[in-house]
C-alpha cells in the first residue's frame, strides 16, 4: 500500500492520529456546540495523545535518531504538530468570521493554545514522574479553554 517506503507509512500513521484527535474535539461545535467546550476537549485529547506510550516512545526515538535521520523529525513536525496547529487555526478563523471570537491572528492563537495545553503534563511524563490523572488533565484542559476564551471572546 505504501510503495514510497517506511516514511510514507510513518506520515500516514501520524496524519491519521492527528485527524482523529481534531475530529473528536470539534464534533460538538459542528453540531452547534460551544467553542469553549470543543477547545477543552481538544486540550484534553491532545494531552492524552502526547503522553501516550506510543507518542512518548516515538518522541524519544526522534530525539535519538534525529541527527542520523533528520527527515523523521521534520516529517513528524509537518504532519503532526504543524497540521494540528493549522487545523486549529482554520477553525479559529471560521469562529472569528462568524463573530464568536475576536482573533486577529488565528495561527498564533492556535500555536499558543496548543502550547498551553501541552503544559507541565508532558514534562511529568518525559521526566519519568508518571501520567497526570485523567481528572486533573480534564480540569487543566477546561482551564486552558476558559483562559483562551477570556482572551478572545467577542
Protein backbone atom coordinates (compact mmCIF):
# COMPACT_ATOMS: atom_id res chain seq x y z
CA UNK A 1 0.00 0.00 0.00
CA UNK A 2 2.96 2.33 0.52
CA UNK A 3 5.40 1.99 -2.37
CA UNK A 4 7.19 5.14 -1.15
CA UNK A 5 8.58 3.21 1.82
CA UNK A 6 8.68 3.48 5.58
CA UNK A 7 8.49 7.26 5.60
CA UNK A 8 5.10 7.11 3.85
CA UNK A 9 3.80 4.68 6.50
CA UNK A 10 5.13 6.98 9.22
CA UNK A 11 3.41 10.02 7.70
CA UNK A 12 0.14 8.15 7.18
CA UNK A 13 0.04 6.94 10.79
CA UNK A 14 0.80 10.38 12.20
CA UNK A 15 -1.67 12.13 9.92
CA UNK A 16 -4.49 9.74 10.78
CA UNK A 17 -3.91 10.10 14.52
CA UNK A 18 -3.97 13.89 14.30
CA UNK A 19 -7.10 13.89 12.15
CA UNK A 20 -8.88 11.66 14.68
CA UNK A 21 -7.87 13.96 17.51
CA UNK A 22 -9.18 17.04 15.73
CA UNK A 23 -12.39 15.32 14.62
CA UNK A 24 -13.22 14.22 18.19
CA UNK A 25 -12.62 17.68 19.58
CA UNK A 26 -14.81 19.54 17.14
CA UNK A 27 -17.71 17.13 16.73
CA UNK A 28 -19.71 19.19 19.24
CA UNK A 29 -19.07 22.54 17.60
CA UNK A 30 -20.01 21.09 14.24
CA UNK A 31 -23.31 20.11 15.84
CA UNK A 32 -23.83 23.67 17.13
CA UNK A 33 -21.96 23.34 20.43
CA UNK A 34 -19.79 25.92 22.13
CA UNK A 35 -16.22 26.70 21.14
CA UNK A 36 -15.03 26.61 24.75
CA UNK A 37 -16.23 23.04 25.24
CA UNK A 38 -14.59 21.98 21.97
CA UNK A 39 -11.31 23.61 22.97
CA UNK A 40 -11.41 21.86 26.35
CA UNK A 41 -11.97 18.54 24.58
CA UNK A 42 -9.10 19.27 22.18
CA UNK A 43 -6.75 20.18 25.05
CA UNK A 44 -7.66 17.03 26.99
CA UNK A 45 -7.30 14.73 23.97
CA UNK A 46 -4.08 16.46 22.93
CA UNK A 47 -2.54 15.93 26.39
CA UNK A 48 -3.64 12.28 26.38
CA UNK A 49 -2.18 11.74 22.92
CA UNK A 50 1.19 13.36 23.55
CA UNK A 51 1.63 11.49 26.82
CA UNK A 52 0.60 8.13 25.37
CA UNK A 53 3.19 5.35 25.41
CA UNK A 54 3.33 5.34 21.62
CA UNK A 55 3.96 9.06 21.18
CA UNK A 56 6.38 9.21 24.12
CA UNK A 57 8.41 6.36 22.59
CA UNK A 58 8.27 7.98 19.16
CA UNK A 59 9.46 11.28 20.62
CA UNK A 60 12.39 9.55 22.32
CA UNK A 61 13.35 7.79 19.09
CA UNK A 62 13.23 11.03 17.14
CA UNK A 63 15.45 12.75 19.69
CA UNK A 64 17.96 9.91 19.49
CA UNK A 65 17.83 9.30 15.75
CA UNK A 66 17.16 12.85 14.55
CA UNK A 67 20.80 13.55 13.78
CA UNK A 68 21.12 10.38 11.69
CA UNK A 69 17.70 10.69 10.04
CA UNK A 70 16.75 14.38 10.02
CA UNK A 71 13.78 13.70 7.79
CA UNK A 72 11.89 11.91 10.59
CA UNK A 73 11.60 14.88 12.97
CA UNK A 74 10.74 17.12 10.01
CA UNK A 75 8.02 14.69 8.87
CA UNK A 76 6.64 14.48 12.40
CA UNK A 77 6.60 18.25 12.75
CA UNK A 78 4.90 18.85 9.40
CA UNK A 79 2.36 16.02 9.65
CA UNK A 80 1.53 16.23 13.34
CA UNK A 81 2.46 19.47 15.07
CA UNK A 82 2.06 21.84 12.14
CA UNK A 83 -1.00 20.08 10.74
CA UNK A 84 -2.80 20.14 14.08
CA UNK A 85 -1.87 23.80 14.56
CA UNK A 86 -3.09 24.76 11.10
CA UNK A 87 -6.34 22.81 11.53
CA UNK A 88 -6.99 24.64 14.78
CA UNK A 89 -6.06 27.97 13.15
CA UNK A 90 -8.56 27.27 10.35
CA UNK A 91 -11.25 26.52 12.93
CA UNK A 92 -10.43 29.68 14.89
CA UNK A 93 -10.58 31.71 11.66
CA UNK A 94 -14.08 30.35 10.98
CA UNK A 95 -15.14 31.16 14.53
CA UNK A 96 -13.77 34.70 14.13
CA UNK A 97 -15.60 35.13 10.82
CA UNK A 98 -18.89 34.15 12.42
CA UNK A 99 -18.25 36.57 15.28
CA UNK A 100 -17.79 34.05 18.10
CA UNK A 101 -14.27 35.29 18.89
CA UNK A 102 -12.06 38.30 18.19
CA UNK A 103 -8.89 36.69 16.91
CA UNK A 104 -6.66 38.81 14.67
CA UNK A 105 -4.03 36.07 14.23
CA UNK A 106 -5.59 32.60 14.31
CA UNK A 107 -2.28 30.85 13.56
CA UNK A 108 -0.57 32.44 16.55
CA UNK A 109 -3.62 31.81 18.74
CA UNK A 110 -3.65 28.13 17.73
CA UNK A 111 0.05 27.79 18.49
CA UNK A 112 -0.39 29.45 21.87
CA UNK A 113 -3.40 27.31 22.76
CA UNK A 114 -1.60 24.05 21.95
CA UNK A 115 1.47 25.18 23.90
CA UNK A 116 -0.75 25.91 26.86
CA UNK A 117 -2.47 22.52 26.51
CA UNK A 118 0.98 20.88 26.41
CA UNK A 119 1.75 22.36 29.81
CA UNK A 120 3.58 20.54 32.55
CA UNK A 121 1.61 17.37 31.91
CA UNK A 122 4.11 16.39 29.22
CA UNK A 123 7.13 17.29 31.31
CA UNK A 124 5.92 14.96 34.06
CA UNK A 125 5.91 12.05 31.60
CA UNK A 126 9.21 13.00 29.97
CA UNK A 127 10.88 13.22 33.38
CA UNK A 128 9.51 9.83 34.45
CA UNK A 129 7.17 11.29 37.08
CA UNK A 130 4.13 9.49 35.75
CA UNK A 131 0.98 10.37 33.90
CA UNK A 132 -1.26 13.06 35.33
CA UNK A 133 -4.57 11.52 36.45
CA UNK A 134 -7.42 11.91 33.97
CA UNK A 135 -9.47 14.10 36.29
CA UNK A 136 -6.59 16.50 36.74
CA UNK A 137 -5.94 16.55 32.97
CA UNK A 138 -9.63 17.33 32.39
CA UNK A 139 -9.56 20.16 34.93
CA UNK A 140 -6.42 21.61 33.35
CA UNK A 141 -7.87 21.32 29.82
CA UNK A 142 -11.03 23.11 30.90
CA UNK A 143 -8.97 25.89 32.49
CA UNK A 144 -6.95 26.27 29.26
CA UNK A 145 -10.15 26.67 27.24
CA UNK A 146 -11.58 29.16 29.75
CA UNK A 147 -8.42 31.26 29.68
CA UNK A 148 -8.36 31.20 25.88
CA UNK A 149 -11.98 32.30 25.68
CA UNK A 150 -11.41 35.12 28.18
CA UNK A 151 -8.68 36.40 25.87
CA UNK A 152 -10.61 36.08 22.61
CA UNK A 153 -14.33 36.17 23.43
CA UNK A 154 -16.20 38.61 21.20
